[in-house]
PDB file of N, CA and C in Angstrom:
ATOM      1  N   MET A   1     105.098 110.546 106.709  1.00  0.00           N
ATOM      2  CA  MET A   1     104.887 111.303 105.505  1.00  0.00           C
ATOM      3  C   MET A   1     103.555 110.841 105.450  1.00  0.00           C
ATOM      4  N   SER A   2     102.509 111.871 105.026  1.00  0.00           N
ATOM      5  CA  SER A   2     101.289 112.200 104.526  1.00  0.00           C
ATOM      6  C   SER A   2     101.124 111.481 103.464  1.00  0.00           C
ATOM      7  N   GLN A   3      99.704 110.974 103.317  1.00  0.00           N
ATOM      8  CA  GLN A   3      99.000 110.270 102.188  1.00  0.00           C
ATOM      9  C   GLN A   3      98.533 110.923 102.206  1.00  0.00           C
ATOM     10  N   PHE A   4      97.881 110.308 100.478  1.00  0.00           N
ATOM     11  CA  PHE A   4      96.912 111.135 100.151  1.00  0.00           C
ATOM     12  C   PHE A   4      95.679 110.976 100.690  1.00  0.00           C
ATOM     13  N   ARG A   5      94.769 111.686 100.195  1.00  0.00           N
ATOM     14  CA  ARG A   5      92.652 111.443 100.832  1.00  0.00           C
ATOM     15  C   ARG A   5      91.930 111.857  99.384  1.00  0.00           C
ATOM     16  N   PHE A   6      91.356 111.260  99.558  1.00  0.00           N
ATOM     17  CA  PHE A   6      90.820 111.675  97.804  1.00  0.00           C
ATOM     18  C   PHE A   6      89.838 111.626  97.330  1.00  0.00           C
ATOM     19  N   LEU A   7      89.088 112.752  96.985  1.00  0.00           N
ATOM     20  CA  LEU A   7      87.857 113.090  96.777  1.00  0.00           C
ATOM     21  C   LEU A   7      87.570 112.704  95.224  1.00  0.00           C
ATOM     22  N   LEU A   8      86.636 111.659  95.139  1.00  0.00           N
ATOM     23  CA  LEU A   8      86.005 111.369  93.822  1.00  0.00           C
ATOM     24  C   LEU A   8      85.085 112.449  92.918  1.00  0.00           C
ATOM     25  N   ASP A   9      85.363 112.803  92.192  1.00  0.00           N
ATOM     26  CA  ASP A   9      84.228 113.741  91.584  1.00  0.00           C
ATOM     27  C   ASP A   9      83.071 113.458  90.563  1.00  0.00           C
ATOM     28  N   GLU A  10      82.220 113.337  90.634  1.00  0.00           N
ATOM     29  CA  GLU A  10      81.248 112.785  90.263  1.00  0.00           C
ATOM     30  C   GLU A  10      80.941 112.296  88.821  1.00  0.00           C
ATOM     31  N   ASN A  11      82.121 112.519  87.806  1.00  0.00           N
ATOM     32  CA  ASN A  11      82.700 112.214  86.766  1.00  0.00           C
ATOM     33  C   ASN A  11      83.039 111.020  86.775  1.00  0.00           C
ATOM     34  N   VAL A  12      83.553 110.562  87.968  1.00  0.00           N
ATOM     35  CA  VAL A  12      84.387 109.571  88.631  1.00  0.00           C
ATOM     36  C   VAL A  12      83.635 108.023  88.789  1.00  0.00           C
ATOM     37  N   ASP A  13      83.431 107.189  88.053  1.00  0.00           N
ATOM     38  CA  ASP A  13      82.185 105.646  88.423  1.00  0.00           C
ATOM     39  C   ASP A  13      82.225 105.380  89.793  1.00  0.00           C
ATOM     40  N   PRO A  14      81.671 104.572  90.189  1.00  0.00           N
ATOM     41  CA  PRO A  14      81.480 104.385  91.668  1.00  0.00           C
ATOM     42  C   PRO A  14      82.678 103.332  92.030  1.00  0.00           C
ATOM     43  N   PRO A  15      82.150 102.244  90.707  1.00  0.00           N
ATOM     44  CA  PRO A  15      83.896 101.008  91.168  1.00  0.00           C
ATOM     45  C   PRO A  15      84.817 101.289  91.746  1.00  0.00           C
ATOM     46  N   TYR A  16      85.232 102.830  91.056  1.00  0.00           N
ATOM     47  CA  TYR A  16      86.859 103.258  91.454  1.00  0.00           C
ATOM     48  C   TYR A  16      86.921 103.866  93.069  1.00  0.00           C
ATOM     49  N   ARG A  17      85.520 103.942  93.518  1.00  0.00           N
ATOM     50  CA  ARG A  17      85.699 103.714  95.264  1.00  0.00           C
ATOM     51  C   ARG A  17      85.069 102.336  96.125  1.00  0.00           C
ATOM     52  N   ARG A  18      84.377 101.981  95.503  1.00  0.00           N
ATOM     53  CA  ARG A  18      84.287 100.648  96.134  1.00  0.00           C
ATOM     54  C   ARG A  18      85.517  99.690  95.576  1.00  0.00           C
ATOM     55  N   GLN A  19      86.650  99.632  94.693  1.00  0.00           N
ATOM     56  CA  GLN A  19      87.824  98.996  94.268  1.00  0.00           C
ATOM     57  C   GLN A  19      88.847  99.331  95.691  1.00  0.00           C
ATOM     58  N   LEU A  20      88.922 100.883  95.507  1.00  0.00           N
ATOM     59  CA  LEU A  20      89.966 101.262  96.275  1.00  0.00           C
ATOM     60  C   LEU A  20      89.772 100.714  97.577  1.00  0.00           C
ATOM     61  N   LEU A  21      88.809 101.140  97.897  1.00  0.00           N
ATOM     62  CA  LEU A  21      88.724 100.697  99.584  1.00  0.00           C
ATOM     63  C   LEU A  21      88.716  99.367  99.711  1.00  0.00           C
ATOM     64  N   ARG A  22      88.845  98.497  98.737  1.00  0.00           N
ATOM     65  CA  ARG A  22      89.066  96.818  99.307  1.00  0.00           C
ATOM     66  C   ARG A  22      90.286  96.527  99.152  1.00  0.00           C
ATOM     67  N   ARG A  23      90.918  97.075  98.129  1.00  0.00           N
ATOM     68  CA  ARG A  23      92.358  96.827  98.266  1.00  0.00           C
ATOM     69  C   ARG A  23      93.379  97.581  99.387  1.00  0.00           C
ATOM     70  N   GLU A  24      92.553  98.751  99.688  1.00  0.00           N
ATOM     71  CA  GLU A  24      93.478  99.497 100.775  1.00  0.00           C
ATOM     72  C   GLU A  24      92.691 100.015 101.584  1.00  0.00           C
ATOM     73  N   PRO A  25      91.804  98.794 102.693  1.00  0.00           N
ATOM     74  CA  PRO A  25      90.800  99.548 103.614  1.00  0.00           C
ATOM     75  C   PRO A  25      91.333 100.858 104.813  1.00  0.00           C
ATOM     76  N   GLU A  26      91.959 100.981 104.332  1.00  0.00           N
ATOM     77  CA  GLU A  26      92.447 102.180 105.449  1.00  0.00           C
ATOM     78  C   GLU A  26      92.728 104.097 104.599  1.00  0.00           C
ATOM     79  N   MET A  27      92.405 103.468 103.128  1.00  0.00           N
ATOM     80  CA  MET A  27      92.680 104.377 102.694  1.00  0.00           C
ATOM     81  C   MET A  27      91.581 105.812 102.968  1.00  0.00           C
ATOM     82  N   ALA A  28      91.446 106.656 103.105  1.00  0.00           N
ATOM     83  CA  ALA A  28      90.629 108.164 102.941  1.00  0.00           C
ATOM     84  C   ALA A  28      90.256 108.416 101.589  1.00  0.00           C
ATOM     85  N   VAL A  29      89.029 107.693 101.245  1.00  0.00           N
ATOM     86  CA  VAL A  29      88.333 108.455  99.702  1.00  0.00           C
ATOM     87  C   VAL A  29      86.909 108.408 100.028  1.00  0.00           C
ATOM     88  N   ARG A  30      86.766 109.320  99.172  1.00  0.00           N
ATOM     89  CA  ARG A  30      85.437 110.003  99.536  1.00  0.00           C
ATOM     90  C   ARG A  30      84.729 110.624  98.195  1.00  0.00           C
ATOM     91  N   SER A  31      83.675 110.105  97.851  1.00  0.00           N
ATOM     92  CA  SER A  31      82.843 110.593  96.421  1.00  0.00           C
ATOM     93  C   SER A  31      81.418 111.438  96.916  1.00  0.00           C
ATOM     94  N   MET A  32      81.740 112.370  95.514  1.00  0.00           N
ATOM     95  CA  MET A  32      80.596 113.597  96.095  1.00  0.00           C
ATOM     96  C   MET A  32      79.374 112.995  96.282  1.00  0.00           C
ATOM     97  N   GLY A  33      78.621 114.058  97.167  1.00  0.00           N
ATOM     98  CA  GLY A  33      77.221 113.625  97.008  1.00  0.00           C
ATOM     99  C   GLY A  33      77.147 112.799  98.559  1.00  0.00           C
ATOM    100  N   GLU A  34      78.435 112.393  99.110  1.00  0.00           N
ATOM    101  CA  GLU A  34      78.547 111.700 100.609  1.00  0.00           C
ATOM    102  C   GLU A  34      77.699 112.941 101.414  1.00  0.00           C
ATOM    103  N   PRO A  35      77.427 112.800 102.668  1.00  0.00           N
ATOM    104  CA  PRO A  35      77.435 113.420 103.598  1.00  0.00           C
ATOM    105  C   PRO A  35      78.811 114.025 103.620  1.00  0.00           C
ATOM    106  N   GLY A  36      78.764 115.238 103.859  1.00  0.00           N
ATOM    107  CA  GLY A  36      80.320 115.888 104.406  1.00  0.00           C
ATOM    108  C   GLY A  36      80.969 116.292 103.548  1.00  0.00           C
ATOM    109  N   VAL A  37      80.508 116.066 102.435  1.00  0.00           N
ATOM    110  CA  VAL A  37      81.466 116.473 101.196  1.00  0.00           C
ATOM    111  C   VAL A  37      80.779 117.391 100.087  1.00  0.00           C
ATOM    112  N   PRO A  38      80.746 117.692  99.165  1.00  0.00           N
ATOM    113  CA  PRO A  38      80.129 118.463  98.395  1.00  0.00           C
ATOM    114  C   PRO A  38      79.648 117.873  97.479  1.00  0.00           C
ATOM    115  N   ALA A  39      77.966 118.115  97.237  1.00  0.00           N
ATOM    116  CA  ALA A  39      77.062 117.653  96.294  1.00  0.00           C
ATOM    117  C   ALA A  39      77.712 117.259  95.405  1.00  0.00           C
ATOM    118  N   ARG A  40      77.089 116.319  94.523  1.00  0.00           N
ATOM    119  CA  ARG A  40      77.103 116.375  93.335  1.00  0.00           C
ATOM    120  C   ARG A  40      76.147 117.431  92.631  1.00  0.00           C
ATOM    121  N   GLY A  41      77.101 118.154  91.237  1.00  0.00           N
ATOM    122  CA  GLY A  41      76.612 119.348  90.717  1.00  0.00           C
ATOM    123  C   GLY A  41      77.784 120.390  91.617  1.00  0.00           C
ATOM    124  N   THR A  42      78.606 120.382  92.422  1.00  0.00           N
ATOM    125  CA  THR A  42      78.560 120.927  92.475  1.00  0.00           C
ATOM    126  C   THR A  42      79.693 121.660  91.825  1.00  0.00           C
ATOM    127  N   PRO A  43      80.231 123.202  91.621  1.00  0.00           N
ATOM    128  CA  PRO A  43      80.652 123.646  90.324  1.00  0.00           C
ATOM    129  C   PRO A  43      82.201 123.778  90.980  1.00  0.00           C
ATOM    130  N   ASP A  44      83.046 123.252  89.766  1.00  0.00           N
ATOM    131  CA  ASP A  44      84.525 122.944  90.039  1.00  0.00           C
ATOM    132  C   ASP A  44      85.108 123.802  91.192  1.00  0.00           C
ATOM    133  N   PRO A  45      85.447 125.128  90.762  1.00  0.00           N
ATOM    134  CA  PRO A  45      85.747 126.041  91.555  1.00  0.00           C
ATOM    135  C   PRO A  45      85.974 125.769  93.101  1.00  0.00           C
ATOM    136  N   GLU A  46      84.092 125.482  93.614  1.00  0.00           N
ATOM    137  CA  GLU A  46      83.484 125.138  94.697  1.00  0.00           C
ATOM    138  C   GLU A  46      84.635 123.836  95.166  1.00  0.00           C
ATOM    139  N   MET A  47      84.726 122.840  94.023  1.00  0.00           N
ATOM    140  CA  MET A  47      85.495 120.978  94.922  1.00  0.00           C
ATOM    141  C   MET A  47      86.804 121.771  95.108  1.00  0.00           C
ATOM    142  N   LEU A  48      87.497 122.859  94.522  1.00  0.00           N
ATOM    143  CA  LEU A  48      89.056 122.968  94.909  1.00  0.00           C
ATOM    144  C   LEU A  48      89.031 123.547  96.542  1.00  0.00           C
ATOM    145  N   LEU A  49      87.704 124.703  96.659  1.00  0.00           N
ATOM    146  CA  LEU A  49      88.158 125.258  97.584  1.00  0.00           C
ATOM    147  C   LEU A  49      87.411 124.308  99.364  1.00  0.00           C
ATOM    148  N   TRP A  50      86.499 123.511  98.703  1.00  0.00           N
ATOM    149  CA  TRP A  50      86.537 122.190  99.856  1.00  0.00           C
ATOM    150  C   TRP A  50      87.644 121.406  99.665  1.00  0.00           C
ATOM    151  N   CYS A  51      88.500 120.777  99.141  1.00  0.00           N
ATOM    152  CA  CYS A  51      90.024 120.691  98.552  1.00  0.00           C
ATOM    153  C   CYS A  51      90.681 120.913  99.292  1.00  0.00           C
ATOM    154  N   GLU A  52      90.912 122.045  99.140  1.00  0.00           N
ATOM    155  CA  GLU A  52      92.233 123.242 100.202  1.00  0.00           C
ATOM    156  C   GLU A  52      91.533 123.006 101.894  1.00  0.00           C
ATOM    157  N   GLU A  53      89.971 122.910 101.763  1.00  0.00           N
ATOM    158  CA  GLU A  53      89.899 123.375 103.103  1.00  0.00           C
ATOM    159  C   GLU A  53      90.249 122.420 103.719  1.00  0.00           C
ATOM    160  N   TYR A  54      89.799 121.084 103.213  1.00  0.00           N
ATOM    161  CA  TYR A  54      89.960 119.873 104.260  1.00  0.00           C
ATOM    162  C   TYR A  54      91.289 118.767 103.368  1.00  0.00           C
ATOM    163  N   SER A  55      92.090 119.017 102.808  1.00  0.00           N
ATOM    164  CA  SER A  55      92.979 118.961 102.529  1.00  0.00           C
ATOM    165  C   SER A  55      93.060 117.035 101.698  1.00  0.00           C
ATOM    166  N   TYR A  56      92.273 117.423 100.658  1.00  0.00           N
ATOM    167  CA  TYR A  56      92.193 116.231  99.787  1.00  0.00           C
ATOM    168  C   TYR A  56      92.526 116.437  98.499  1.00  0.00           C
ATOM    169  N   THR A  57      92.808 115.244  97.791  1.00  0.00           N
ATOM    170  CA  THR A  57      93.668 115.813  96.505  1.00  0.00           C
ATOM    171  C   THR A  57      92.116 115.620  95.472  1.00  0.00           C
ATOM    172  N   LEU A  58      91.917 115.814  94.840  1.00  0.00           N
ATOM    173  CA  LEU A  58      90.605 115.532  93.619  1.00  0.00           C
ATOM    174  C   LEU A  58      91.287 114.893  92.801  1.00  0.00           C
ATOM    175  N   VAL A  59      90.007 113.793  92.494  1.00  0.00           N
ATOM    176  CA  VAL A  59      90.299 112.561  91.494  1.00  0.00           C
ATOM    177  C   VAL A  59      89.266 113.422  90.565  1.00  0.00           C
ATOM    178  N   THR A  60      89.599 113.116  89.422  1.00  0.00           N
ATOM    179  CA  THR A  60      88.622 113.600  88.283  1.00  0.00           C
ATOM    180  C   THR A  60      88.567 112.998  86.981  1.00  0.00           C
ATOM    181  N   ASN A  61      87.572 113.125  85.945  1.00  0.00           N
ATOM    182  CA  ASN A  61      87.583 112.519  84.475  1.00  0.00           C
ATOM    183  C   ASN A  61      87.406 113.919  83.751  1.00  0.00           C
ATOM    184  N   ASN A  62      87.367 114.975  84.175  1.00  0.00           N
ATOM    185  CA  ASN A  62      86.914 116.417  83.641  1.00  0.00           C
ATOM    186  C   ASN A  62      88.574 116.936  82.893  1.00  0.00           C
ATOM    187  N   ARG A  63      88.682 116.589  82.006  1.00  0.00           N
ATOM    188  CA  ARG A  63      89.965 116.783  81.375  1.00  0.00           C
ATOM    189  C   ARG A  63      89.531 118.310  80.774  1.00  0.00           C
ATOM    190  N   ARG A  64      88.310 118.875  80.474  1.00  0.00           N
ATOM    191  CA  ARG A  64      88.000 120.094  79.459  1.00  0.00           C
ATOM    192  C   ARG A  64      88.053 121.247  80.545  1.00  0.00           C
ATOM    193  N   SER A  65      87.640 120.947  81.841  1.00  0.00           N
ATOM    194  CA  SER A  65      87.902 122.797  82.202  1.00  0.00           C
ATOM    195  C   SER A  65      88.318 122.559  83.929  1.00  0.00           C
ATOM    196  N   MET A  66      88.655 121.251  84.113  1.00  0.00           N
ATOM    197  CA  MET A  66      89.201 121.338  85.533  1.00  0.00           C
ATOM    198  C   MET A  66      90.912 121.946  85.232  1.00  0.00           C
ATOM    199  N   PRO A  67      91.494 121.885  84.555  1.00  0.00           N
ATOM    200  CA  PRO A  67      92.856 122.819  84.536  1.00  0.00           C
ATOM    201  C   PRO A  67      92.841 123.954  84.536  1.00  0.00           C
ATOM    202  N   GLU A  68      91.608 124.869  83.696  1.00  0.00           N
ATOM    203  CA  GLU A  68      91.151 126.198  83.425  1.00  0.00           C
ATOM    204  C   GLU A  68      90.729 126.197  85.013  1.00  0.00           C
ATOM    205  N   HIS A  69      90.204 125.747  85.723  1.00  0.00           N
ATOM    206  CA  HIS A  69      89.684 126.041  87.230  1.00  0.00           C
ATOM    207  C   HIS A  69      90.705 126.033  88.114  1.00  0.00           C
ATOM    208  N   LEU A  70      91.710 124.995  88.160  1.00  0.00           N
ATOM    209  CA  LEU A  70      93.064 125.101  88.853  1.00  0.00           C
ATOM    210  C   LEU A  70      93.929 126.260  88.557  1.00  0.00           C
ATOM    211  N   ALA A  71      93.816 126.698  87.297  1.00  0.00           N
ATOM    212  CA  ALA A  71      94.710 127.676  87.303  1.00  0.00           C
ATOM    213  C   ALA A  71      94.041 129.390  88.010  1.00  0.00           C
ATOM    214  N   SER A  72      92.865 129.889  87.815  1.00  0.00           N
ATOM    215  CA  SER A  72      92.105 130.720  88.654  1.00  0.00           C
ATOM    216  C   SER A  72      92.097 130.345  90.139  1.00  0.00           C
ATOM    217  N   HIS A  73      92.338 129.184  90.799  1.00  0.00           N
ATOM    218  CA  HIS A  73      92.292 128.689  91.978  1.00  0.00           C
ATOM    219  C   HIS A  73      93.323 129.143  92.199  1.00  0.00           C
ATOM    220  N   LEU A  74      94.504 128.948  91.566  1.00  0.00           N
ATOM    221  CA  LEU A  74      96.100 129.432  92.014  1.00  0.00           C
ATOM    222  C   LEU A  74      96.202 130.740  91.952  1.00  0.00           C
ATOM    223  N   ALA A  75      95.649 131.408  90.865  1.00  0.00           N
ATOM    224  CA  ALA A  75      96.040 132.790  90.473  1.00  0.00           C
ATOM    225  C   ALA A  75      95.126 133.880  91.786  1.00  0.00           C
ATOM    226  N   SER A  76      94.181 132.976  92.428  1.00  0.00           N
ATOM    227  CA  SER A  76      93.340 134.310  93.248  1.00  0.00           C
ATOM    228  C   SER A  76      94.274 133.439  94.743  1.00  0.00           C
ATOM    229  N   GLY A  77      95.340 132.861  95.123  1.00  0.00           N
ATOM    230  CA  GLY A  77      95.903 132.756  96.065  1.00  0.00           C
ATOM    231  C   GLY A  77      95.707 131.041  96.612  1.00  0.00           C
ATOM    232  N   GLY A  78      94.740 130.439  96.219  1.00  0.00           N
ATOM    233  CA  GLY A  78      94.336 129.279  96.390  1.00  0.00           C
ATOM    234  C   GLY A  78      95.315 128.186  96.046  1.00  0.00           C
ATOM    235  N   HIS A  79      95.598 126.920  97.153  1.00  0.00           N
ATOM    236  CA  HIS A  79      96.280 125.875  97.134  1.00  0.00           C
ATOM    237  C   HIS A  79      95.936 124.940  96.971  1.00  0.00           C
ATOM    238  N   VAL A  80      95.955 123.791  96.424  1.00  0.00           N
ATOM    239  CA  VAL A  80      95.244 122.187  96.712  1.00  0.00           C
ATOM    240  C   VAL A  80      96.475 121.121  96.559  1.00  0.00           C
ATOM    241  N   LEU A  81      95.800 120.257  97.465  1.00  0.00           N
ATOM    242  CA  LEU A  81      97.140 118.922  97.103  1.00  0.00           C
ATOM    243  C   LEU A  81      96.695 118.256  95.935  1.00  0.00           C
ATOM    244  N   GLY A  82      96.780 118.870  95.073  1.00  0.00           N
ATOM    245  CA  GLY A  82      96.818 118.038  93.282  1.00  0.00           C
ATOM    246  C   GLY A  82      95.112 117.627  93.034  1.00  0.00           C
ATOM    247  N   VAL A  83      95.329 117.743  91.841  1.00  0.00           N
ATOM    248  CA  VAL A  83      94.224 117.221  90.870  1.00  0.00           C
ATOM    249  C   VAL A  83      94.639 115.774  90.381  1.00  0.00           C
ATOM    250  N   ILE A  84      94.474 114.747  90.340  1.00  0.00           N
ATOM    251  CA  ILE A  84      94.488 113.675  89.545  1.00  0.00           C
ATOM    252  C   ILE A  84      93.784 112.999  88.142  1.00  0.00           C
ATOM    253  N   GLN A  85      94.191 113.321  87.075  1.00  0.00           N
ATOM    254  CA  GLN A  85      93.157 113.266  86.181  1.00  0.00           C
ATOM    255  C   GLN A  85      93.591 111.566  85.697  1.00  0.00           C
ATOM    256  N   LEU A  86      92.361 110.697  85.541  1.00  0.00           N
ATOM    257  CA  LEU A  86      91.693 110.136  85.307  1.00  0.00           C
ATOM    258  C   LEU A  86      92.336 109.739  83.900  1.00  0.00           C
ATOM    259  N   ASN A  87      92.357 108.197  82.958  1.00  0.00           N
ATOM    260  CA  ASN A  87      92.950 108.643  81.680  1.00  0.00           C
ATOM    261  C   ASN A  87      91.874 107.461  81.390  1.00  0.00           C
ATOM    262  N   ASP A  88      91.172 108.138  80.271  1.00  0.00           N
ATOM    263  CA  ASP A  88      89.288 107.137  79.733  1.00  0.00           C
ATOM    264  C   ASP A  88      90.461 105.924  78.903  1.00  0.00           C
ATOM    265  N   LYS A  89      91.521 105.911  78.470  1.00  0.00           N
ATOM    266  CA  LYS A  89      92.172 104.726  77.377  1.00  0.00           C
ATOM    267  C   LYS A  89      93.136 103.922  78.647  1.00  0.00           C
ATOM    268  N   LEU A  90      93.017 103.529  79.625  1.00  0.00           N
ATOM    269  CA  LEU A  90      93.147 103.118  80.245  1.00  0.00           C
ATOM    270  C   LEU A  90      91.818 102.126  80.774  1.00  0.00           C
ATOM    271  N   THR A  91      91.857 101.155  81.574  1.00  0.00           N
ATOM    272  CA  THR A  91      90.859 100.180  82.185  1.00  0.00           C
ATOM    273  C   THR A  91      90.847 100.767  83.493  1.00  0.00           C
ATOM    274  N   ILE A  92      89.667 100.688  84.262  1.00  0.00           N
ATOM    275  CA  ILE A  92      89.306 100.874  85.581  1.00  0.00           C
ATOM    276  C   ILE A  92      90.762 100.433  86.449  1.00  0.00           C
ATOM    277  N   GLY A  93      91.176  99.172  86.245  1.00  0.00           N
ATOM    278  CA  GLY A  93      92.425  98.291  86.734  1.00  0.00           C
ATOM    279  C   GLY A  93      93.297  99.267  86.805  1.00  0.00           C
ATOM    280  N   GLU A  94      94.075  99.514  85.601  1.00  0.00           N
ATOM    281  CA  GLU A  94      95.152 100.021  85.348  1.00  0.00           C
ATOM    282  C   GLU A  94      95.265 101.215  85.828  1.00  0.00           C
ATOM    283  N   ASN A  95      93.622 102.282  85.963  1.00  0.00           N
ATOM    284  CA  ASN A  95      93.672 103.440  86.710  1.00  0.00           C
ATOM    285  C   ASN A  95      94.045 103.269  88.236  1.00  0.00           C
ATOM    286  N   LEU A  96      93.289 102.195  88.733  1.00  0.00           N
ATOM    287  CA  LEU A  96      93.058 102.173  89.962  1.00  0.00           C
ATOM    288  C   LEU A  96      94.674 101.625  90.540  1.00  0.00           C
ATOM    289  N   ASP A  97      95.449 101.160  89.821  1.00  0.00           N
ATOM    290  CA  ASP A  97      96.781 100.975  90.026  1.00  0.00           C
ATOM    291  C   ASP A  97      97.830 101.965  90.013  1.00  0.00           C
ATOM    292  N   ASP A  98      97.000 103.120  89.006  1.00  0.00           N
ATOM    293  CA  ASP A  98      97.942 104.228  89.123  1.00  0.00           C
ATOM    294  C   ASP A  98      97.693 105.099  90.727  1.00  0.00           C
ATOM    295  N   LEU A  99      96.517 105.034  90.891  1.00  0.00           N
ATOM    296  CA  LEU A  99      96.239 105.810  92.015  1.00  0.00           C
ATOM    297  C   LEU A  99      96.373 105.172  92.934  1.00  0.00           C
ATOM    298  N   LEU A 100      96.156 103.486  93.098  1.00  0.00           N
ATOM    299  CA  LEU A 100      97.325 102.760  94.122  1.00  0.00           C
ATOM    300  C   LEU A 100      98.985 103.668  94.735  1.00  0.00           C
ATOM    301  N   LEU A 101      99.515 103.369  93.016  1.00  0.00           N
ATOM    302  CA  LEU A 101     101.315 104.082  93.292  1.00  0.00           C
ATOM    303  C   LEU A 101     101.381 105.086  94.262  1.00  0.00           C
ATOM    304  N   HIS A 102     100.021 106.117  93.585  1.00  0.00           N
ATOM    305  CA  HIS A 102     100.677 107.670  94.458  1.00  0.00           C
ATOM    306  C   HIS A 102     100.301 107.176  95.901  1.00  0.00           C
ATOM    307  N   TRP A 103      99.081 106.775  95.853  1.00  0.00           N
ATOM    308  CA  TRP A 103      98.613 106.689  97.750  1.00  0.00           C
ATOM    309  C   TRP A 103      99.656 105.881  98.155  1.00  0.00           C
ATOM    310  N   GLY A 104     100.634 105.166  97.230  1.00  0.00           N
ATOM    311  CA  GLY A 104     101.528 104.729  98.845  1.00  0.00           C
ATOM    312  C   GLY A 104     103.204 105.023  98.636  1.00  0.00           C
ATOM    313  N   ALA A 105     103.039 105.219  97.462  1.00  0.00           N
ATOM    314  CA  ALA A 105     104.646 105.566  97.359  1.00  0.00           C
ATOM    315  C   ALA A 105     104.737 106.998  97.347  1.00  0.00           C
ATOM    316  N   ALA A 106     103.999 108.112  97.382  1.00  0.00           N
ATOM    317  CA  ALA A 106     104.390 109.289  97.174  1.00  0.00           C
ATOM    318  C   ALA A 106     103.660 110.002  98.179  1.00  0.00           C
ATOM    319  N   THR A 107     103.757 111.842  98.308  1.00  0.00           N
ATOM    320  CA  THR A 107     102.730 112.130  99.173  1.00  0.00           C
ATOM    321  C   THR A 107     102.137 113.236  98.661  1.00  0.00           C
ATOM    322  N   PRO A 108     101.138 114.181  98.965  1.00  0.00           N
ATOM    323  CA  PRO A 108     100.471 114.820  98.184  1.00  0.00           C
ATOM    324  C   PRO A 108     100.784 115.999  97.702  1.00  0.00           C
ATOM    325  N   GLU A 109     101.909 116.333  98.868  1.00  0.00           N
ATOM    326  CA  GLU A 109     102.911 117.626  98.632  1.00  0.00           C
ATOM    327  C   GLU A 109     103.305 117.911  97.485  1.00  0.00           C
ATOM    328  N   GLU A 110     104.103 116.439  97.026  1.00  0.00           N
ATOM    329  CA  GLU A 110     104.442 116.124  95.759  1.00  0.00           C
ATOM    330  C   GLU A 110     104.086 117.116  94.868  1.00  0.00           C
ATOM    331  N   TYR A 111     102.638 116.707  94.641  1.00  0.00           N
ATOM    332  CA  TYR A 111     101.647 117.299  93.512  1.00  0.00           C
ATOM    333  C   TYR A 111     100.846 118.102  94.078  1.00  0.00           C
ATOM    334  N   SER A 112     100.882 119.279  94.960  1.00  0.00           N
ATOM    335  CA  SER A 112     100.530 120.483  95.225  1.00  0.00           C
ATOM    336  C   SER A 112     100.642 121.194  94.125  1.00  0.00           C
ATOM    337  N   ASP A 113      99.124 121.649  93.840  1.00  0.00           N
ATOM    338  CA  ASP A 113      99.260 122.791  92.551  1.00  0.00           C
ATOM    339  C   ASP A 113      99.196 122.778  91.488  1.00  0.00           C
ATOM    340  N   ARG A 114      98.921 121.498  91.214  1.00  0.00           N
ATOM    341  CA  ARG A 114      98.879 121.236  89.499  1.00  0.00           C
ATOM    342  C   ARG A 114      98.330 119.557  89.419  1.00  0.00           C
ATOM    343  N   VAL A 115      97.950 119.370  88.256  1.00  0.00           N
ATOM    344  CA  VAL A 115      97.245 118.000  87.489  1.00  0.00           C
ATOM    345  C   VAL A 115      98.393 117.421  86.885  1.00  0.00           C
ATOM    346  N   THR A 116      97.742 116.132  87.357  1.00  0.00           N
ATOM    347  CA  THR A 116      98.542 114.627  86.775  1.00  0.00           C
ATOM    348  C   THR A 116      97.687 114.265  86.629  1.00  0.00           C
ATOM    349  N   TYR A 117      98.416 113.519  85.107  1.00  0.00           N
ATOM    350  CA  TYR A 117      97.636 113.094  84.286  1.00  0.00           C
ATOM    351  C   TYR A 117      98.255 111.613  84.319  1.00  0.00           C
ATOM    352  N   LEU A 118      96.888 110.816  84.697  1.00  0.00           N
ATOM    353  CA  LEU A 118      97.141 108.828  84.647  1.00  0.00           C
ATOM    354  C   LEU A 118      97.513 108.949  82.988  1.00  0.00           C
ATOM    355  N   PRO A 119      98.464 107.691  82.787  1.00  0.00           N
ATOM    356  CA  PRO A 119      99.741 106.812  84.021  1.00  0.00           C
ATOM    357  C   PRO A 119     101.313 107.668  84.548  1.00  0.00           C
ATOM    358  N   VAL A 120     100.974 107.594  85.223  1.00  0.00           N
ATOM    359  CA  VAL A 120     102.127 108.149  85.894  1.00  0.00           C
ATOM    360  C   VAL A 120     103.561 107.562  85.424  1.00  0.00           C
ATOM    361  N   THR A 121     103.908 106.191  84.634  1.00  0.00           N
ATOM    362  CA  THR A 121     104.707 105.816  84.346  1.00  0.00           C
ATOM    363  C   THR A 121     105.091 106.222  82.752  1.00  0.00           C
ATOM    364  N   ASP A 122     104.354 107.390  82.084  1.00  0.00           N
ATOM    365  CA  ASP A 122     104.679 107.845  81.006  1.00  0.00           C
ATOM    366  C   ASP A 122     105.594 108.066  80.853  1.00  0.00           C
TER     367      ASP A 122
END
C-alpha cells in the first residue's frame, strides 16, 4: 500500500508540518517555499502540476478557488493524488488527527482526482 506524500500549500500554518513530523517522523510532508518544491506564491494550477509530477497530495485551506482549479486540471487531462481541504472549524489537533488517519489507513489512489474535506468522519 502506498502512503500519502503531502505538500502543504502556503495557506497552511507552519505548526502543521512540525506536528505531523513529530507524530510520524517517517511521513513525507513538504511545505511550499522549501527547496525543491513550489515557491510561495505559485499559482494553484502550477501547484497541481507539481503534485501530479511528483505524486504528492495537496493539503490546503483554499476553499474558494481550489475546486475550480482542480476541475480545470482534470478537464485538461491532468490527474492528482487528491486535494485535502483542512476545516477551519476544527482545531489544529483535530485536522492533524484526520490527516494522520488518511496517511495511516488509506492510499492516495483512493482520493485521486477529487477534493476531500475534513473531517473524514462526517
